[in-house]
């Protein structure tokens, strides 16, 4: 049907099933971060801490300013 083109292609380009253990240069975990990666991680941590502090300060403010009768009702 395809005039043997697929068989010819498979003969010229055989499937190679090489296990990943043969590649020594592939590391699952990087042991040294670049400066850009460190900056991104530090900024993410600072933003997360800022968000947590902002959330806690808003919750504290809401508890202090809301009358007790409104807090108890669902």
C-alpha atoms as a PDB file:
ATOM      1  CA  UNK A   1       0.000   0.000   0.000  1.00  0.00           C
ATOM      2  CA  UNK A   2       2.790   2.443   0.782  1.00  0.00           C
ATOM      3  CA  UNK A   3       5.207   0.806  -1.675  1.00  0.00           C
ATOM      4  CA  UNK A   4       7.519  -0.301   1.152  1.00  0.00           C
ATOM      5  CA  UNK A   5       8.309   3.251   2.246  1.00  0.00           C
ATOM      6  CA  UNK A   6       7.533   2.536   5.910  1.00  0.00           C
ATOM      7  CA  UNK A   7       9.689  -0.598   5.954  1.00  0.00           C
ATOM      8  CA  UNK A   8      12.529   1.364   4.358  1.00  0.00           C
ATOM      9  CA  UNK A   9      12.101   4.145   6.925  1.00  0.00           C
ATOM     10  CA  UNK A  10      12.165   1.663   9.821  1.00  0.00           C
ATOM     11  CA  UNK A  11      15.303   0.054   8.413  1.00  0.00           C
ATOM     12  CA  UNK A  12      17.056   3.420   8.129  1.00  0.00           C
ATOM     13  CA  UNK A  13      15.757   4.723  11.508  1.00  0.00           C
ATOM     14  CA  UNK A  14      15.464   1.824  13.945  1.00  0.00           C
ATOM     15  CA  UNK A  15      13.805   2.214  17.339  1.00  0.00           C
ATOM     16  CA  UNK A  16      16.359   2.787  20.064  1.00  0.00           C
ATOM     17  CA  UNK A  17      15.209   1.906  23.557  1.00  0.00           C
ATOM     18  CA  UNK A  18      18.107   3.117  25.651  1.00  0.00           C
ATOM     19  CA  UNK A  19      17.458   3.057  29.399  1.00  0.00           C
ATOM     20  CA  UNK A  20      17.986   6.339  31.216  1.00  0.00           C
ATOM     21  CA  UNK A  21      20.583   4.748  33.482  1.00  0.00           C
ATOM     22  CA  UNK A  22      23.053   4.854  30.596  1.00  0.00           C
ATOM     23  CA  UNK A  23      23.029   8.654  30.636  1.00  0.00           C
ATOM     24  CA  UNK A  24      25.395   9.712  33.402  1.00  0.00           C
ATOM     25  CA  UNK A  25      24.924  13.427  32.813  1.00  0.00           C
ATOM     26  CA  UNK A  26      21.187  13.366  33.582  1.00  0.00           C
ATOM     27  CA  UNK A  27      20.641  14.351  37.201  1.00  0.00           C
ATOM     28  CA  UNK A  28      17.262  14.010  38.824  1.00  0.00           C
ATOM     29  CA  UNK A  29      18.053  16.702  41.381  1.00  0.00           C
ATOM     30  CA  UNK A  30      20.202  19.723  40.671  1.00  0.00           C
ATOM     31  CA  UNK A  31      22.824  20.237  43.354  1.00  0.00           C
ATOM     32  CA  UNK A  32      23.657  23.827  42.478  1.00  0.00           C
ATOM     33  CA  UNK A  33      21.175  26.589  41.613  1.00  0.00           C
ATOM     34  CA  UNK A  34      21.922  29.494  39.319  1.00  0.00           C
ATOM     35  CA  UNK A  35      21.591  33.078  40.547  1.00  0.00           C
ATOM     36  CA  UNK A  36      18.336  33.539  38.644  1.00  0.00           C
ATOM     37  CA  UNK A  37      16.829  30.420  40.224  1.00  0.00           C
ATOM     38  CA  UNK A  38      17.882  31.589  43.688  1.00  0.00           C
ATOM     39  CA  UNK A  39      16.296  34.994  43.109  1.00  0.00           C
ATOM     40  CA  UNK A  40      13.039  33.395  41.966  1.00  0.00           C
ATOM     41  CA  UNK A  41      12.943  31.124  45.038  1.00  0.00           C
ATOM     42  CA  UNK A  42      13.681  33.991  47.443  1.00  0.00           C
ATOM     43  CA  UNK A  43      11.023  36.212  45.852  1.00  0.00           C
ATOM     44  CA  UNK A  44       8.462  33.390  46.057  1.00  0.00           C
ATOM     45  CA  UNK A  45       9.201  32.834  49.757  1.00  0.00           C
ATOM     46  CA  UNK A  46       9.017  36.563  50.527  1.00  0.00           C
ATOM     47  CA  UNK A  47       5.688  36.882  48.696  1.00  0.00           C
ATOM     48  CA  UNK A  48       4.311  33.850  50.539  1.00  0.00           C
ATOM     49  CA  UNK A  49       5.351  35.300  53.910  1.00  0.00           C
ATOM     50  CA  UNK A  50       3.852  38.676  52.986  1.00  0.00           C
ATOM     51  CA  UNK A  51       0.560  37.007  52.002  1.00  0.00           C
ATOM     52  CA  UNK A  52       0.413  35.046  55.270  1.00  0.00           C
ATOM     53  CA  UNK A  53       1.138  38.163  57.356  1.00  0.00           C
ATOM     54  CA  UNK A  54      -1.448  40.160  55.420  1.00  0.00           C
ATOM     55  CA  UNK A  55      -4.044  37.425  55.929  1.00  0.00           C
ATOM     56  CA  UNK A  56      -3.329  37.188  59.653  1.00  0.00           C
ATOM     57  CA  UNK A  57      -3.412  40.960  60.133  1.00  0.00           C
ATOM     58  CA  UNK A  58      -6.750  41.186  58.300  1.00  0.00           C
ATOM     59  CA  UNK A  59      -8.179  38.354  60.391  1.00  0.00           C
ATOM     60  CA  UNK A  60      -6.979  40.028  63.600  1.00  0.00           C
ATOM     61  CA  UNK A  61      -8.441  43.376  62.498  1.00  0.00           C
ATOM     62  CA  UNK A  62     -11.781  41.772  61.599  1.00  0.00           C
ATOM     63  CA  UNK A  63     -12.015  40.046  64.978  1.00  0.00           C
ATOM     64  CA  UNK A  64     -11.242  43.265  66.846  1.00  0.00           C
ATOM     65  CA  UNK A  65     -13.619  45.493  64.850  1.00  0.00           C
ATOM     66  CA  UNK A  66     -16.575  43.121  64.405  1.00  0.00           C
ATOM     67  CA  UNK A  67     -19.097  43.183  67.271  1.00  0.00           C
ATOM     68  CA  UNK A  68     -19.322  39.915  69.179  1.00  0.00           C
ATOM     69  CA  UNK A  69     -23.017  39.501  68.380  1.00  0.00           C
ATOM     70  CA  UNK A  70     -22.272  39.414  64.608  1.00  0.00           C
ATOM     71  CA  UNK A  71     -19.378  36.944  64.984  1.00  0.00           C
ATOM     72  CA  UNK A  72     -21.535  34.369  66.779  1.00  0.00           C
ATOM     73  CA  UNK A  73     -24.308  34.245  64.157  1.00  0.00           C
ATOM     74  CA  UNK A  74     -23.796  32.013  61.120  1.00  0.00           C
END
